[in-house]
C-alpha atoms as a PDB file:
ATOM      1  CA  MET A   1      67.088  23.835  23.734  1.00  0.00           C
ATOM      2  CA  ALA A   2      64.623  21.874  25.914  1.00  0.00           C
ATOM      3  CA  TYR A   3      65.531  19.002  28.119  1.00  0.00           C
ATOM      4  CA  LYS A   4      64.876  15.640  26.609  1.00  0.00           C
ATOM      5  CA  THR A   5      63.975  12.787  28.943  1.00  0.00           C
ATOM      6  CA  PRO A   6      66.348   9.863  28.207  1.00  0.00           C
ATOM      7  CA  GLY A   7      64.658   6.798  26.865  1.00  0.00           C
ATOM      8  CA  PHE A   8      65.118   3.186  27.982  1.00  0.00           C
ATOM      9  CA  THR A   9      68.096   2.432  25.732  1.00  0.00           C
ATOM     10  CA  GLU A  10      69.903   5.577  26.781  1.00  0.00           C
ATOM     11  CA  ARG A  11      69.395   4.748  30.430  1.00  0.00           C
ATOM     12  CA  THR A  12      70.699   1.170  30.003  1.00  0.00           C
ATOM     13  CA  ALA A  13      73.638   2.407  27.959  1.00  0.00           C
ATOM     14  CA  ALA A  14      74.469   4.939  30.729  1.00  0.00           C
ATOM     15  CA  ALA A  15      74.261   2.246  33.367  1.00  0.00           C
ATOM     16  CA  ARG A  16      76.419  -0.185  31.386  1.00  0.00           C
ATOM     17  CA  ALA A  17      78.959   2.563  30.987  1.00  0.00           C
ATOM     18  CA  ALA A  18      78.967   3.365  34.654  1.00  0.00           C
ATOM     19  CA  LYS A  19      79.375  -0.314  35.543  1.00  0.00           C
ATOM     20  CA  GLN A  20      82.274  -0.627  33.155  1.00  0.00           C
ATOM     21  CA  ARG A  21      83.970   2.463  34.664  1.00  0.00           C
ATOM     22  CA  ALA A  22      83.589   0.969  38.188  1.00  0.00           C
ATOM     23  CA  LEU A  23      85.083  -2.380  37.082  1.00  0.00           C
ATOM     24  CA  ASP A  24      87.960  -0.595  35.305  1.00  0.00           C
ATOM     25  CA  GLN A  25      88.789   1.387  38.522  1.00  0.00           C
ATOM     26  CA  LEU A  26      88.632  -1.852  40.585  1.00  0.00           C
ATOM     27  CA  ARG A  27      91.016  -3.612  38.195  1.00  0.00           C
ATOM     28  CA  GLU A  28      93.444  -0.622  38.315  1.00  0.00           C
ATOM     29  CA  LYS A  29      93.676  -0.827  42.128  1.00  0.00           C
ATOM     30  CA  PRO A  30      96.910  -2.270  43.250  1.00  0.00           C
ATOM     31  CA  ALA A  31      96.971  -5.441  45.205  1.00  0.00           C
ATOM     32  CA  VAL A  32      97.388  -5.183  49.018  1.00  0.00           C
ATOM     33  CA  ASP A  33     100.881  -5.937  50.270  1.00  0.00           C
ATOM     34  CA  PRO A  34     101.053  -9.337  52.007  1.00  0.00           C
ATOM     35  CA  GLU A  35     102.876  -7.694  54.982  1.00  0.00           C
ATOM     36  CA  VAL A  36      99.971  -5.356  55.499  1.00  0.00           C
ATOM     37  CA  ILE A  37      97.573  -8.307  55.399  1.00  0.00           C
ATOM     38  CA  ALA A  38      99.616 -10.172  57.948  1.00  0.00           C
ATOM     39  CA  ALA A  39      99.746  -7.131  60.226  1.00  0.00           C
ATOM     40  CA  ARG A  40      96.019  -6.726  60.012  1.00  0.00           C
ATOM     41  CA  GLN A  41      95.440 -10.397  60.873  1.00  0.00           C
ATOM     42  CA  ALA A  42      97.781 -10.150  63.759  1.00  0.00           C
ATOM     43  CA  ALA A  43      96.045  -7.038  65.046  1.00  0.00           C
ATOM     44  CA  ARG A  44      92.666  -8.745  64.694  1.00  0.00           C
ATOM     45  CA  ALA A  45      93.952 -11.813  66.533  1.00  0.00           C
ATOM     46  CA  ALA A  46      95.225  -9.638  69.371  1.00  0.00           C
ATOM     47  CA  ARG A  47      91.885  -7.820  69.649  1.00  0.00           C
ATOM     48  CA  GLU A  48      90.072 -11.142  69.670  1.00  0.00           C
ATOM     49  CA  ALA A  49      92.373 -12.612  72.371  1.00  0.00           C
ATOM     50  CA  ALA A  50      91.832  -9.456  74.561  1.00  0.00           C
ATOM     51  CA  GLU A  51      88.067  -9.715  74.095  1.00  0.00           C
ATOM     52  CA  ALA A  52      88.085 -13.362  75.004  1.00  0.00           C
ATOM     53  CA  GLU A  53      90.191 -12.612  78.155  1.00  0.00           C
ATOM     54  CA  ARG A  54      87.724  -9.846  79.115  1.00  0.00           C
ATOM     55  CA  ARG A  55      84.775 -12.175  78.520  1.00  0.00           C
ATOM     56  CA  ALA A  56      86.349 -14.893  80.633  1.00  0.00           C
ATOM     57  CA  ALA A  57      87.084 -12.495  83.398  1.00  0.00           C
ATOM     58  CA  ARG A  58      83.489 -11.279  83.321  1.00  0.00           C
ATOM     59  CA  GLN A  59      82.146 -14.762  83.423  1.00  0.00           C
ATOM     60  CA  GLN A  60      84.449 -15.607  86.352  1.00  0.00           C
ATOM     61  CA  ALA A  61      83.201 -12.461  88.247  1.00  0.00           C
ATOM     62  CA  ILE A  62      79.524 -13.458  87.557  1.00  0.00           C
ATOM     63  CA  ALA A  63      80.223 -17.007  88.717  1.00  0.00           C
ATOM     64  CA  GLU A  64      81.885 -15.725  91.942  1.00  0.00           C
ATOM     65  CA  ALA A  65      78.971 -13.307  92.553  1.00  0.00           C
ATOM     66  CA  LYS A  66      76.468 -16.198  92.119  1.00  0.00           C
ATOM     67  CA  ALA A  67      78.506 -18.303  94.549  1.00  0.00           C
ATOM     68  CA  ALA A  68      78.620 -15.580  97.126  1.00  0.00           C
ATOM     69  CA  LYS A  69      74.934 -15.015  96.774  1.00  0.00           C
ATOM     70  CA  ALA A  70      74.224 -18.652  97.139  1.00  0.00           C
ATOM     71  CA  ALA A  71      76.455 -18.811 100.262  1.00  0.00           C
ATOM     72  CA  LYS A  72      74.706 -15.892 101.745  1.00  0.00           C
ATOM     73  CA  ALA A  73      71.319 -17.443 101.047  1.00  0.00           C
ATOM     74  CA  GLU A  74      72.497 -20.662 102.618  1.00  0.00           C
ATOM     75  CA  ALA A  75      73.794 -18.855 105.710  1.00  0.00           C
ATOM     76  CA  ALA A  76      70.475 -17.014 105.973  1.00  0.00           C
ATOM     77  CA  ALA A  77      68.617 -20.391 105.650  1.00  0.00           C
ATOM     78  CA  GLN A  78      70.740 -21.901 108.381  1.00  0.00           C
ATOM     79  CA  THR A  79      70.071 -18.887 110.656  1.00  0.00           C
ATOM     80  CA  ALA A  80      66.362 -19.138 110.017  1.00  0.00           C
ATOM     81  CA  ALA A  81      66.490 -22.879 110.776  1.00  0.00           C
ATOM     82  CA  SER A  82      68.361 -22.352 114.056  1.00  0.00           C
ATOM     83  CA  ALA A  83      65.933 -19.564 115.083  1.00  0.00           C
ATOM     84  CA  PRO A  84      62.665 -20.481 116.805  1.00  0.00           C
ATOM     85  CA  ALA A  85      60.054 -21.337 114.383  1.00  0.00           C
ATOM     86  CA  THR A  86      57.404 -18.915 115.805  1.00  0.00           C
ATOM     87  CA  PRO A  87      58.293 -15.604 117.346  1.00  0.00           C
ATOM     88  CA  GLU A  88      57.108 -14.968 120.824  1.00  0.00           C
ATOM     89  CA  PRO A  89      53.585 -13.529 120.682  1.00  0.00           C
ATOM     90  CA  LYS A  90      53.001 -10.036 121.872  1.00  0.00           C
ATOM     91  CA  PRO A  91      50.834  -9.870 124.917  1.00  0.00           C
ATOM     92  CA  GLU A  92      47.283  -8.638 124.099  1.00  0.00           C
ATOM     93  CA  ARG A  93      46.778  -5.005 125.148  1.00  0.00           C
ATOM     94  CA  THR A  94      43.958  -4.146 127.406  1.00  0.00           C
ATOM     95  CA  GLU A  95      41.130  -1.932 126.410  1.00  0.00           C
ATOM     96  CA  ALA A  96      42.533   0.898 128.493  1.00  0.00           C
ATOM     97  CA  GLU A  97      45.955   0.633 126.802  1.00  0.00           C
ATOM     98  CA  ARG A  98      44.367   0.761 123.358  1.00  0.00           C
ATOM     99  CA  LYS A  99      42.309   3.848 124.380  1.00  0.00           C
ATOM    100  CA  ALA A 100      45.368   5.634 125.775  1.00  0.00           C
ATOM    101  CA  ALA A 101      47.358   4.949 122.519  1.00  0.00           C
ATOM    102  CA  ARG A 102      44.326   6.191 120.426  1.00  0.00           C
ATOM    103  CA  ASP A 103      44.064   9.364 122.515  1.00  0.00           C
ATOM    104  CA  ALA A 104      47.831  10.014 122.150  1.00  0.00           C
ATOM    105  CA  ARG A 105      47.519   9.722 118.344  1.00  0.00           C
ATOM    106  CA  TYR A 106      44.598  12.105 118.352  1.00  0.00           C
ATOM    107  CA  ALA A 107      46.461  14.559 120.579  1.00  0.00           C
ATOM    108  CA  ALA A 108      49.522  14.419 118.315  1.00  0.00           C
ATOM    109  CA  ARG A 109      47.370  15.069 115.183  1.00  0.00           C
ATOM    110  CA  LYS A 110      45.711  17.953 116.846  1.00  0.00           C
ATOM    111  CA  ALA A 111      49.164  19.396 117.968  1.00  0.00           C
ATOM    112  CA  ARG A 112      50.519  19.172 114.319  1.00  0.00           C
ATOM    113  CA  LYS A 113      47.354  21.075 112.958  1.00  0.00           C
ATOM    114  CA  ARG A 114      48.057  24.064 115.259  1.00  0.00           C
END
């Protein structure tokens, strides 16, 4: 006996029967006990309260960190304001000092290569 591909009417009838079975199973399901519903709602409320508390603590920690950062920046600004505006200029090196520094760098480079 060969397999026969179901036609449109057979497919719609099968779909209708499956839908009816699902509806029947849903109707047969017993109602949830009100005590269970109340317990679930209480647990949800407790979770939400704990999450709100954690969120508030986190926001407070962020605000404290921002305040500390602002205070640190303000202290740095005051320190910078009290410091002299221009640093003391370095004295200009003479040609002989520059040549001696250059020769020292050259000698150090040669010593590393050996």
